[in-house]
Amino acid sequence: MEIPFISKRQFNRFRKFLPVPGNAEKINARTVLSCVVWLIRNGRSWKEIHKKYGNSDTIRKRFTRWSAGGAFRKFFFYMAAKAPKKSRAMMDSTTVKAHRTAASMACGQKPREIGRSAGGLTTKIHLLATIEKIPLDFSLTPGQAGDAPTGEKLIRKNSTSFKCLLADKAYDTDKIRKYLEERNKGVCIPPKSNRKSPYTYDRELYKKRSIIENMFGRLKDWRGIAMRFCRCAHTFDSFVCIALISIFSDVR
């Protein structure tokens, strides 16, 4: 199967986030990135990359080195910074299945972000995005992790990037509401059923939260995201970065 190459212009947007190439590199960086995009989109294994593109193990090791160095996260935040600063933001999470190979063998001392939930081995992707479908930030946790604690961290980290937050009742906590209200941020979160004094919220505005659910649907169209095969969390984090940038950011 032919691997479609990303354009030179697209690659040049990403090039400045890569480490300085060594003299002995046998496969150019644009080929490596094109192979990785193809692999994530189609849910393929490294060994399925045709030998005419170079040694698949060399491509995997190069990508892993870039990933561990944070190149893809840096590019993600570079693109996220282009979002309007006074936009409404949405927050939600989705769970993806982790293949048995993702939980096999050792992966250093860092957590894998794989847990056991009702669906078996899973990883949860927590996403913060604008109403214009621009991803602002995301985080990975084991599948059984609650939404509110991770959501609060993302809110605190990105509070200057939006003016109002839309989220479902999983994020209806006093800590989140207080933090947003102290910073004059709008809050559109329906109250939990066990609240003694339920908060009011804009029901028409809340309907727009379907946008982030549709974003997750498009994200999971990439088979390498819908099913996690990689063992290390930083590798899967880079996969999500690449998919989000490719789908929702203008990298022409």
C-alpha atoms as a PDB file:
ATOM      1  CA  MET A   1       0.000   0.000   0.000  1.00  0.00           C
ATOM      2  CA  GLU A   2       1.324   3.446  -0.944  1.00  0.00           C
ATOM      3  CA  ILE A   3       1.923   5.885   1.898  1.00  0.00           C
ATOM      4  CA  PRO A   4       0.730   9.424   1.008  1.00  0.00           C
ATOM      5  CA  PHE A   5       3.419  11.984   1.796  1.00  0.00           C
ATOM      6  CA  ILE A   6       2.607  15.106   3.731  1.00  0.00           C
ATOM      7  CA  SER A   7       3.466  18.215   1.743  1.00  0.00           C
ATOM      8  CA  LYS A   8       6.790  20.031   2.115  1.00  0.00           C
ATOM      9  CA  ARG A   9       4.928  23.101   3.354  1.00  0.00           C
ATOM     10  CA  GLN A  10       3.171  21.085   6.075  1.00  0.00           C
ATOM     11  CA  PHE A  11       6.412  19.445   7.128  1.00  0.00           C
ATOM     12  CA  ASN A  12       8.230  22.792   7.307  1.00  0.00           C
ATOM     13  CA  ARG A  13       5.693  23.937   9.915  1.00  0.00           C
ATOM     14  CA  PHE A  14       6.790  21.031  12.091  1.00  0.00           C
ATOM     15  CA  ARG A  15      10.517  20.922  11.277  1.00  0.00           C
ATOM     16  CA  LYS A  16      11.561  23.581  13.796  1.00  0.00           C
ATOM     17  CA  PHE A  17      10.332  21.436  16.702  1.00  0.00           C
ATOM     18  CA  LEU A  18      12.594  18.516  15.781  1.00  0.00           C
ATOM     19  CA  PRO A  19      16.084  17.975  17.231  1.00  0.00           C
ATOM     20  CA  VAL A  20      19.014  18.828  14.972  1.00  0.00           C
ATOM     21  CA  PRO A  21      19.416  15.869  12.579  1.00  0.00           C
ATOM     22  CA  GLY A  22      22.590  13.812  12.725  1.00  0.00           C
ATOM     23  CA  ASN A  23      24.852  13.303   9.743  1.00  0.00           C
ATOM     24  CA  ALA A  24      24.212   9.552   9.667  1.00  0.00           C
ATOM     25  CA  GLU A  25      20.399   9.681   9.313  1.00  0.00           C
ATOM     26  CA  LYS A  26      19.493   7.415   6.400  1.00  0.00           C
ATOM     27  CA  ILE A  27      15.759   8.266   6.225  1.00  0.00           C
ATOM     28  CA  ASN A  28      14.691  11.893   5.888  1.00  0.00           C
ATOM     29  CA  ALA A  29      12.395  13.293   8.558  1.00  0.00           C
ATOM     30  CA  ARG A  30       9.516  14.023   6.157  1.00  0.00           C
ATOM     31  CA  THR A  31       9.369  10.334   5.190  1.00  0.00           C
ATOM     32  CA  VAL A  32       9.362   9.310   8.863  1.00  0.00           C
ATOM     33  CA  LEU A  33       6.506  11.671   9.738  1.00  0.00           C
ATOM     34  CA  SER A  34       4.477  10.606   6.683  1.00  0.00           C
ATOM     35  CA  CYS A  35       4.849   6.943   7.672  1.00  0.00           C
ATOM     36  CA  VAL A  36       3.739   7.714  11.235  1.00  0.00           C
ATOM     37  CA  VAL A  37       0.627   9.616  10.067  1.00  0.00           C
ATOM     38  CA  TRP A  38      -0.277   6.690   7.784  1.00  0.00           C
ATOM     39  CA  LEU A  39       0.287   4.202  10.594  1.00  0.00           C
ATOM     40  CA  ILE A  40      -1.976   6.059  13.078  1.00  0.00           C
ATOM     41  CA  ARG A  41      -4.732   6.753  10.550  1.00  0.00           C
ATOM     42  CA  ASN A  42      -4.949   3.110   9.479  1.00  0.00           C
ATOM     43  CA  GLY A  43      -4.107   1.388  12.764  1.00  0.00           C
ATOM     44  CA  ARG A  44      -1.129  -0.443  11.248  1.00  0.00           C
ATOM     45  CA  SER A  45       1.918  -1.903  12.961  1.00  0.00           C
ATOM     46  CA  TRP A  46       5.463  -0.651  12.422  1.00  0.00           C
ATOM     47  CA  LYS A  47       6.389  -3.855  10.593  1.00  0.00           C
ATOM     48  CA  GLU A  48       3.750  -3.138   7.932  1.00  0.00           C
ATOM     49  CA  ILE A  49       5.657  -0.079   6.677  1.00  0.00           C
ATOM     50  CA  HIS A  50       7.057  -1.112   3.298  1.00  0.00           C
ATOM     51  CA  LYS A  51      10.819  -1.491   3.115  1.00  0.00           C
ATOM     52  CA  LYS A  52      11.006   0.984   0.218  1.00  0.00           C
ATOM     53  CA  TYR A  53      10.411   3.772   2.792  1.00  0.00           C
ATOM     54  CA  GLY A  54      13.319   2.529   4.872  1.00  0.00           C
ATOM     55  CA  ASN A  55      13.862   0.148   7.761  1.00  0.00           C
ATOM     56  CA  SER A  56      10.689   0.112   9.878  1.00  0.00           C
ATOM     57  CA  ASP A  57      12.665  -0.286  13.100  1.00  0.00           C
ATOM     58  CA  THR A  58      14.700   2.805  12.246  1.00  0.00           C
ATOM     59  CA  ILE A  59      11.490   4.775  11.618  1.00  0.00           C
ATOM     60  CA  ARG A  60      10.021   3.578  14.927  1.00  0.00           C
ATOM     61  CA  LYS A  61      13.136   4.489  16.904  1.00  0.00           C
ATOM     62  CA  ARG A  62      13.304   7.952  15.290  1.00  0.00           C
ATOM     63  CA  PHE A  63       9.660   8.622  16.108  1.00  0.00           C
ATOM     64  CA  THR A  64      10.118   7.370  19.682  1.00  0.00           C
ATOM     65  CA  ARG A  65      13.077   9.721  20.146  1.00  0.00           C
ATOM     66  CA  TRP A  66      11.062  12.692  18.869  1.00  0.00           C
ATOM     67  CA  SER A  67       8.132  11.694  21.076  1.00  0.00           C
ATOM     68  CA  ALA A  68      10.209  11.314  24.247  1.00  0.00           C
ATOM     69  CA  GLY A  69      11.749  14.724  23.530  1.00  0.00           C
ATOM     70  CA  GLY A  70       8.305  16.364  23.441  1.00  0.00           C
ATOM     71  CA  ALA A  71       8.429  17.478  19.787  1.00  0.00           C
ATOM     72  CA  PHE A  72       4.779  16.654  19.108  1.00  0.00           C
ATOM     73  CA  ARG A  73       3.491  18.294  22.296  1.00  0.00           C
ATOM     74  CA  LYS A  74       5.421  21.461  21.437  1.00  0.00           C
ATOM     75  CA  PHE A  75       3.871  21.543  17.972  1.00  0.00           C
ATOM     76  CA  PHE A  76       0.415  20.876  19.446  1.00  0.00           C
ATOM     77  CA  PHE A  77       0.673  23.866  21.811  1.00  0.00           C
ATOM     78  CA  TYR A  78       2.064  26.002  18.985  1.00  0.00           C
ATOM     79  CA  MET A  79      -1.098  25.313  16.978  1.00  0.00           C
ATOM     80  CA  ALA A  80      -3.376  25.661  20.042  1.00  0.00           C
ATOM     81  CA  ALA A  81      -1.983  29.145  20.686  1.00  0.00           C
ATOM     82  CA  LYS A  82      -3.649  30.302  17.469  1.00  0.00           C
ATOM     83  CA  ALA A  83      -7.135  29.821  18.981  1.00  0.00           C
ATOM     84  CA  PRO A  84      -9.202  32.941  19.782  1.00  0.00           C
ATOM     85  CA  LYS A  85      -8.524  33.997  23.397  1.00  0.00           C
ATOM     86  CA  LYS A  86     -12.108  34.982  24.224  1.00  0.00           C
ATOM     87  CA  SER A  87     -13.847  31.927  22.900  1.00  0.00           C
ATOM     88  CA  ARG A  88     -16.142  29.478  24.646  1.00  0.00           C
ATOM     89  CA  ALA A  89     -14.452  26.224  25.580  1.00  0.00           C
ATOM     90  CA  MET A  90     -15.824  22.703  25.921  1.00  0.00           C
ATOM     91  CA  MET A  91     -14.539  19.804  27.971  1.00  0.00           C
ATOM     92  CA  ASP A  92     -15.256  16.097  27.840  1.00  0.00           C
ATOM     93  CA  SER A  93     -13.544  12.713  27.896  1.00  0.00           C
ATOM     94  CA  THR A  94     -13.678   9.508  25.905  1.00  0.00           C
ATOM     95  CA  THR A  95     -12.411   6.019  26.594  1.00  0.00           C
ATOM     96  CA  VAL A  96     -10.380   3.996  24.101  1.00  0.00           C
ATOM     97  CA  LYS A  97      -9.641   0.297  24.241  1.00  0.00           C
ATOM     98  CA  ALA A  98      -6.064  -0.757  24.924  1.00  0.00           C
ATOM     99  CA  HIS A  99      -4.949  -3.826  22.993  1.00  0.00           C
ATOM    100  CA  ARG A 100      -3.271  -6.552  25.034  1.00  0.00           C
ATOM    101  CA  THR A 101       0.089  -5.650  23.435  1.00  0.00           C
ATOM    102  CA  ALA A 102      -0.180  -2.148  24.969  1.00  0.00           C
ATOM    103  CA  ALA A 103      -0.003  -3.684  28.445  1.00  0.00           C
ATOM    104  CA  SER A 104       2.762  -6.191  27.703  1.00  0.00           C
ATOM    105  CA  MET A 105       6.438  -5.912  28.649  1.00  0.00           C
ATOM    106  CA  ALA A 106       8.056  -3.120  30.628  1.00  0.00           C
ATOM    107  CA  CYS A 107       7.989   0.556  29.690  1.00  0.00           C
ATOM    108  CA  GLY A 108      10.509   2.262  31.941  1.00  0.00           C
ATOM    109  CA  GLN A 109       9.419   3.907  35.193  1.00  0.00           C
ATOM    110  CA  LYS A 110       6.728   6.162  33.723  1.00  0.00           C
ATOM    111  CA  PRO A 111       3.020   5.264  34.080  1.00  0.00           C
ATOM    112  CA  ARG A 112       1.353   3.703  31.049  1.00  0.00           C
ATOM    113  CA  GLU A 113      -2.014   5.448  31.664  1.00  0.00           C
ATOM    114  CA  ILE A 114      -3.829   2.141  31.160  1.00  0.00           C
ATOM    115  CA  GLY A 115      -6.402   0.960  33.660  1.00  0.00           C
ATOM    116  CA  ARG A 116      -9.198  -1.550  34.087  1.00  0.00           C
ATOM    117  CA  SER A 117     -12.774  -0.359  33.747  1.00  0.00           C
ATOM    118  CA  ALA A 118     -16.049  -1.972  32.705  1.00  0.00           C
ATOM    119  CA  GLY A 119     -14.690  -2.126  29.150  1.00  0.00           C
ATOM    120  CA  GLY A 120     -11.517  -3.989  30.121  1.00  0.00           C
ATOM    121  CA  LEU A 121      -8.086  -2.425  29.532  1.00  0.00           C
ATOM    122  CA  THR A 122      -8.699   1.224  28.652  1.00  0.00           C
ATOM    123  CA  THR A 123      -7.145   4.679  28.422  1.00  0.00           C
ATOM    124  CA  LYS A 124      -9.160   7.865  28.830  1.00  0.00           C
ATOM    125  CA  ILE A 125      -8.543  10.988  26.725  1.00  0.00           C
ATOM    126  CA  HIS A 126      -9.613  14.235  28.426  1.00  0.00           C
ATOM    127  CA  LEU A 127      -9.977  17.061  25.891  1.00  0.00           C
ATOM    128  CA  LEU A 128     -10.393  20.820  26.219  1.00  0.00           C
ATOM    129  CA  ALA A 129     -11.343  22.531  22.947  1.00  0.00           C
ATOM    130  CA  THR A 130     -12.928  25.746  21.709  1.00  0.00           C
ATOM    131  CA  ILE A 131     -16.408  25.915  20.246  1.00  0.00           C
ATOM    132  CA  GLU A 132     -14.669  26.522  16.886  1.00  0.00           C
ATOM    133  CA  LYS A 133     -13.239  22.963  17.093  1.00  0.00           C
ATOM    134  CA  ILE A 134      -9.697  24.049  17.970  1.00  0.00           C
ATOM    135  CA  PRO A 135      -8.067  21.696  20.533  1.00  0.00           C
ATOM    136  CA  LEU A 136      -6.500  23.630  23.428  1.00  0.00           C
ATOM    137  CA  ASP A 137      -5.114  20.825  25.579  1.00  0.00           C
ATOM    138  CA  PHE A 138      -5.659  17.199  26.488  1.00  0.00           C
ATOM    139  CA  SER A 139      -4.518  14.668  29.037  1.00  0.00           C
ATOM    140  CA  LEU A 140      -4.331  10.870  29.281  1.00  0.00           C
ATOM    141  CA  THR A 141      -5.373   8.866  32.336  1.00  0.00           C
ATOM    142  CA  PRO A 142      -6.218   5.229  33.087  1.00  0.00           C
ATOM    143  CA  GLY A 143      -9.742   4.385  31.943  1.00  0.00           C
ATOM    144  CA  GLN A 144     -11.211   4.186  35.454  1.00  0.00           C
ATOM    145  CA  ALA A 145     -10.072   7.718  36.420  1.00  0.00           C
ATOM    146  CA  GLY A 146     -12.731  10.319  37.217  1.00  0.00           C
ATOM    147  CA  ASP A 147     -13.345  13.260  34.885  1.00  0.00           C
ATOM    148  CA  ALA A 148     -13.441  16.110  37.426  1.00  0.00           C
ATOM    149  CA  PRO A 149      -9.908  15.850  38.947  1.00  0.00           C
ATOM    150  CA  THR A 150      -8.185  15.790  35.539  1.00  0.00           C
ATOM    151  CA  GLY A 151     -10.623  18.357  34.165  1.00  0.00           C
ATOM    152  CA  GLU A 152      -9.756  20.737  36.998  1.00  0.00           C
ATOM    153  CA  LYS A 153      -6.048  20.475  36.170  1.00  0.00           C
ATOM    154  CA  LEU A 154      -6.686  21.266  32.495  1.00  0.00           C
ATOM    155  CA  ILE A 155      -8.894  24.226  33.451  1.00  0.00           C
ATOM    156  CA  ARG A 156      -6.283  25.695  35.791  1.00  0.00           C
ATOM    157  CA  LYS A 157      -3.569  25.246  33.188  1.00  0.00           C
ATOM    158  CA  ASN A 158      -5.570  26.891  30.376  1.00  0.00           C
ATOM    159  CA  SER A 159      -7.864  29.356  32.164  1.00  0.00           C
ATOM    160  CA  THR A 160      -6.543  32.330  30.181  1.00  0.00           C
ATOM    161  CA  SER A 161      -7.517  30.666  26.878  1.00  0.00           C
ATOM    162  CA  PHE A 162     -11.316  30.918  27.154  1.00  0.00           C
ATOM    163  CA  LYS A 163     -14.146  33.052  28.588  1.00  0.00           C
ATOM    164  CA  CYS A 164     -16.773  30.382  29.237  1.00  0.00           C
ATOM    165  CA  LEU A 165     -16.759  26.615  29.837  1.00  0.00           C
ATOM    166  CA  LEU A 166     -19.335  24.089  28.639  1.00  0.00           C
ATOM    167  CA  ALA A 167     -19.168  20.665  30.263  1.00  0.00           C
ATOM    168  CA  ASP A 168     -21.461  17.880  31.427  1.00  0.00           C
ATOM    169  CA  LYS A 169     -22.459  17.200  35.028  1.00  0.00           C
ATOM    170  CA  ALA A 170     -19.358  15.040  35.647  1.00  0.00           C
ATOM    171  CA  TYR A 171     -17.528  18.372  36.056  1.00  0.00           C
ATOM    172  CA  ASP A 172     -20.105  19.831  38.464  1.00  0.00           C
ATOM    173  CA  THR A 173     -17.852  20.259  41.489  1.00  0.00           C
ATOM    174  CA  ASP A 174     -17.572  23.174  43.907  1.00  0.00           C
ATOM    175  CA  LYS A 175     -13.833  23.480  43.211  1.00  0.00           C
ATOM    176  CA  ILE A 176     -14.300  23.893  39.448  1.00  0.00           C
ATOM    177  CA  ARG A 177     -17.209  26.309  39.804  1.00  0.00           C
ATOM    178  CA  LYS A 178     -15.419  28.425  42.405  1.00  0.00           C
ATOM    179  CA  TYR A 179     -12.209  28.585  40.363  1.00  0.00           C
ATOM    180  CA  LEU A 180     -14.052  29.729  37.229  1.00  0.00           C
ATOM    181  CA  GLU A 181     -16.303  32.217  39.025  1.00  0.00           C
ATOM    182  CA  GLU A 182     -13.330  33.832  40.808  1.00  0.00           C
ATOM    183  CA  ARG A 183     -11.843  34.512  37.370  1.00  0.00           C
ATOM    184  CA  ASN A 184     -15.096  35.824  35.899  1.00  0.00           C
ATOM    185  CA  LYS A 185     -15.453  32.866  33.565  1.00  0.00           C
ATOM    186  CA  GLY A 186     -18.882  31.797  32.376  1.00  0.00           C
ATOM    187  CA  VAL A 187     -20.021  28.366  33.579  1.00  0.00           C
ATOM    188  CA  CYS A 188     -22.460  26.233  31.605  1.00  0.00           C
ATOM    189  CA  ILE A 189     -22.541  22.969  33.542  1.00  0.00           C
ATOM    190  CA  PRO A 190     -25.787  21.210  34.496  1.00  0.00           C
ATOM    191  CA  PRO A 191     -26.023  20.418  38.233  1.00  0.00           C
ATOM    192  CA  LYS A 192     -25.829  16.886  39.592  1.00  0.00           C
ATOM    193  CA  SER A 193     -29.109  15.402  40.770  1.00  0.00           C
ATOM    194  CA  ASN A 194     -27.934  15.217  44.393  1.00  0.00           C
ATOM    195  CA  ARG A 195     -27.287  18.962  44.761  1.00  0.00           C
ATOM    196  CA  LYS A 196     -29.472  20.510  47.461  1.00  0.00           C
ATOM    197  CA  SER A 197     -29.400  23.908  45.721  1.00  0.00           C
ATOM    198  CA  PRO A 198     -29.072  23.238  41.974  1.00  0.00           C
ATOM    199  CA  TYR A 199     -27.344  25.828  39.804  1.00  0.00           C
ATOM    200  CA  THR A 200     -29.044  27.239  36.729  1.00  0.00           C
ATOM    201  CA  TYR A 201     -27.431  26.996  33.311  1.00  0.00           C
ATOM    202  CA  ASP A 202     -28.106  28.066  29.726  1.00  0.00           C
ATOM    203  CA  ARG A 203     -29.842  25.069  28.162  1.00  0.00           C
ATOM    204  CA  GLU A 204     -29.568  26.397  24.602  1.00  0.00           C
ATOM    205  CA  LEU A 205     -25.849  27.055  24.943  1.00  0.00           C
ATOM    206  CA  TYR A 206     -25.357  23.621  26.513  1.00  0.00           C
ATOM    207  CA  LYS A 207     -26.654  21.980  23.332  1.00  0.00           C
ATOM    208  CA  LYS A 208     -23.487  23.149  21.568  1.00  0.00           C
ATOM    209  CA  ARG A 209     -21.484  20.721  23.701  1.00  0.00           C
ATOM    210  CA  SER A 210     -22.354  18.145  21.054  1.00  0.00           C
ATOM    211  CA  ILE A 211     -19.502  19.720  19.068  1.00  0.00           C
ATOM    212  CA  ILE A 212     -16.861  18.116  21.283  1.00  0.00           C
ATOM    213  CA  GLU A 213     -18.652  14.770  21.121  1.00  0.00           C
ATOM    214  CA  ASN A 214     -18.468  14.988  17.323  1.00  0.00           C
ATOM    215  CA  MET A 215     -14.762  15.854  17.632  1.00  0.00           C
ATOM    216  CA  PHE A 216     -14.203  12.614  19.531  1.00  0.00           C
ATOM    217  CA  GLY A 217     -16.086  10.767  16.799  1.00  0.00           C
ATOM    218  CA  ARG A 218     -13.751  12.142  14.134  1.00  0.00           C
ATOM    219  CA  LEU A 219     -10.719  11.472  16.325  1.00  0.00           C
ATOM    220  CA  LYS A 220     -11.715   7.812  16.653  1.00  0.00           C
ATOM    221  CA  ASP A 221     -12.007   7.517  12.878  1.00  0.00           C
ATOM    222  CA  TRP A 222      -8.229   7.167  13.124  1.00  0.00           C
ATOM    223  CA  ARG A 223      -7.905   3.474  13.926  1.00  0.00           C
ATOM    224  CA  GLY A 224      -4.622   3.937  15.815  1.00  0.00           C
ATOM    225  CA  ILE A 225      -6.510   6.145  18.281  1.00  0.00           C
ATOM    226  CA  ALA A 226      -9.714   4.087  18.577  1.00  0.00           C
ATOM    227  CA  MET A 227      -7.565   1.098  19.594  1.00  0.00           C
ATOM    228  CA  ARG A 228      -4.367   1.764  21.527  1.00  0.00           C
ATOM    229  CA  PHE A 229      -1.473  -0.515  20.592  1.00  0.00           C
ATOM    230  CA  CYS A 230       1.535   1.440  21.954  1.00  0.00           C
ATOM    231  CA  ARG A 231       2.957   0.537  25.343  1.00  0.00           C
ATOM    232  CA  CYS A 232       4.375   3.903  26.444  1.00  0.00           C
ATOM    233  CA  ALA A 233       2.051   6.752  27.387  1.00  0.00           C
ATOM    234  CA  HIS A 234       4.274   9.375  25.713  1.00  0.00           C
ATOM    235  CA  THR A 235       3.986   7.475  22.413  1.00  0.00           C
ATOM    236  CA  PHE A 236       0.179   7.364  22.535  1.00  0.00           C
ATOM    237  CA  ASP A 237       0.176  11.012  23.642  1.00  0.00           C
ATOM    238  CA  SER A 238       2.125  11.858  20.470  1.00  0.00           C
ATOM    239  CA  PHE A 239      -0.327   9.807  18.391  1.00  0.00           C
ATOM    240  CA  VAL A 240      -3.219  11.886  19.789  1.00  0.00           C
ATOM    241  CA  CYS A 241      -1.277  15.118  19.119  1.00  0.00           C
ATOM    242  CA  ILE A 242      -0.723  14.167  15.484  1.00  0.00           C
ATOM    243  CA  ALA A 243      -4.355  13.125  14.961  1.00  0.00           C
ATOM    244  CA  LEU A 244      -5.795  16.280  16.576  1.00  0.00           C
ATOM    245  CA  ILE A 245      -3.495  18.565  14.590  1.00  0.00           C
ATOM    246  CA  SER A 246      -4.171  16.737  11.315  1.00  0.00           C
ATOM    247  CA  ILE A 247      -7.955  16.758  11.746  1.00  0.00           C
ATOM    248  CA  PHE A 248      -8.683  20.106  13.363  1.00  0.00           C
ATOM    249  CA  SER A 249      -5.736  22.467  12.797  1.00  0.00           C
ATOM    250  CA  ASP A 250      -4.864  24.378   9.655  1.00  0.00           C
ATOM    251  CA  VAL A 251      -1.392  23.114   8.752  1.00  0.00           C
ATOM    252  CA  ARG A 252      -1.484  23.875   5.043  1.00  0.00           C
END
